[in-house]
């Protein structure tokens, strides 16, 4: 049973990482790949403002279940559970993706 929990937690973590790295921060990012936009010097900061759902909160909502599960398991076992370590790693990747790697315009 413990091995199944490790597999499920790991697959969920890989799913979250994949989503964080694949889904764009701005729905207009495709414009950066256009040759005409590249020659005009279009940068991420020059893209139109995207007023839709903010991906930071969307992905944080994906991380809350694994964090809650890790905290509950850690409290039950009286030591830090491996799922809590995975949740901390996911939070670090989330912070890197949306605050450090993301260009602040």
Protein backbone atom coordinates (compact mmCIF):
# COMPACT_ATOMS: atom_id res chain seq x y z
CA UNK A 1 0.00 0.00 0.00
CA UNK A 2 2.86 2.35 0.82
CA UNK A 3 4.41 1.80 -2.62
CA UNK A 4 1.11 2.60 -4.29
CA UNK A 5 0.97 5.89 -2.38
CA UNK A 6 4.49 6.76 -3.53
CA UNK A 7 3.57 6.02 -7.15
CA UNK A 8 0.33 8.04 -7.01
CA UNK A 9 2.03 10.99 -5.32
CA UNK A 10 4.89 10.91 -7.82
CA UNK A 11 2.57 10.74 -10.83
CA UNK A 12 0.51 13.64 -9.47
CA UNK A 13 3.70 15.65 -8.90
CA UNK A 14 4.88 14.99 -12.47
CA UNK A 15 1.44 16.01 -13.74
CA UNK A 16 1.66 19.29 -11.80
CA UNK A 17 5.21 20.02 -13.01
CA UNK A 18 4.24 19.29 -16.60
CA UNK A 19 1.26 21.62 -16.40
CA UNK A 20 3.33 24.39 -14.82
CA UNK A 21 5.98 24.23 -17.52
CA UNK A 22 3.75 23.70 -20.56
CA UNK A 23 0.80 26.04 -20.07
CA UNK A 24 1.69 29.62 -21.02
CA UNK A 25 1.48 32.54 -18.62
CA UNK A 26 -0.23 34.73 -21.22
CA UNK A 27 -2.62 33.52 -23.91
CA UNK A 28 -0.84 35.78 -26.40
CA UNK A 29 2.60 34.13 -26.01
CA UNK A 30 2.17 32.49 -29.42
CA UNK A 31 2.79 35.96 -30.89
CA UNK A 32 6.42 35.79 -29.74
CA UNK A 33 7.06 32.95 -32.21
CA UNK A 34 5.78 34.90 -35.20
CA UNK A 35 8.63 35.98 -37.51
CA UNK A 36 7.11 39.42 -38.12
CA UNK A 37 6.78 40.07 -34.38
CA UNK A 38 10.36 38.93 -33.82
CA UNK A 39 11.67 41.38 -36.40
CA UNK A 40 9.67 44.20 -34.79
CA UNK A 41 11.27 43.42 -31.43
CA UNK A 42 8.17 42.19 -29.61
CA UNK A 43 9.00 40.95 -26.11
CA UNK A 44 6.94 39.30 -23.39
CA UNK A 45 6.41 42.70 -21.76
CA UNK A 46 5.00 44.07 -25.02
CA UNK A 47 2.24 41.47 -25.29
CA UNK A 48 -1.38 42.53 -24.85
CA UNK A 49 -2.62 42.25 -21.28
CA UNK A 50 -4.35 38.95 -20.59
CA UNK A 51 -7.39 39.56 -18.37
CA UNK A 52 -8.36 35.88 -18.05
CA UNK A 53 -7.69 33.52 -15.14
CA UNK A 54 -4.35 34.10 -13.49
CA UNK A 55 -2.34 30.86 -13.82
CA UNK A 56 -0.60 31.45 -10.47
CA UNK A 57 -3.80 30.82 -8.53
CA UNK A 58 -4.87 28.03 -10.87
CA UNK A 59 -1.70 26.04 -10.26
CA UNK A 60 -1.67 26.82 -6.57
CA UNK A 61 -5.09 25.16 -6.45
CA UNK A 62 -3.46 22.01 -7.89
CA UNK A 63 -0.81 22.08 -5.15
CA UNK A 64 -3.16 22.53 -2.19
CA UNK A 65 -4.45 18.90 -2.18
CA UNK A 66 -0.98 17.35 -2.07
CA UNK A 67 0.12 19.86 0.57
CA UNK A 68 -2.94 19.10 2.71
CA UNK A 69 -2.39 15.36 2.29
CA UNK A 70 1.28 15.71 3.24
CA UNK A 71 0.46 17.76 6.34
CA UNK A 72 -2.24 15.28 7.43
CA UNK A 73 0.06 12.29 6.94
CA UNK A 74 2.92 14.02 8.74
CA UNK A 75 0.72 14.82 11.73
CA UNK A 76 -0.55 11.25 11.82
CA UNK A 77 2.93 9.69 11.65
CA UNK A 78 4.63 12.30 13.88
CA UNK A 79 7.38 12.78 11.26
CA UNK A 80 7.64 14.48 7.90
CA UNK A 81 5.92 12.32 5.31
CA UNK A 82 7.43 11.93 1.81
CA UNK A 83 4.36 13.54 0.26
CA UNK A 84 5.04 16.69 2.27
CA UNK A 85 8.59 16.80 0.87
CA UNK A 86 7.13 16.44 -2.63
CA UNK A 87 4.65 19.24 -1.86
CA UNK A 88 7.51 21.50 -0.72
CA UNK A 89 9.40 20.71 -3.93
CA UNK A 90 6.30 21.51 -6.00
CA UNK A 91 5.84 24.80 -4.15
CA UNK A 92 9.48 25.66 -4.89
CA UNK A 93 8.97 24.90 -8.59
CA UNK A 94 5.74 26.94 -8.52
CA UNK A 95 7.57 29.89 -6.97
CA UNK A 96 10.41 29.61 -9.47
CA UNK A 97 8.04 29.38 -12.45
CA UNK A 98 5.70 32.20 -11.51
CA UNK A 99 7.89 34.63 -9.59
CA UNK A 100 11.54 34.13 -10.55
CA UNK A 101 11.40 32.81 -14.13
CA UNK A 102 8.35 34.91 -15.04
CA UNK A 103 9.40 38.28 -16.43
CA UNK A 104 8.28 41.16 -14.26
CA UNK A 105 7.23 43.98 -16.55
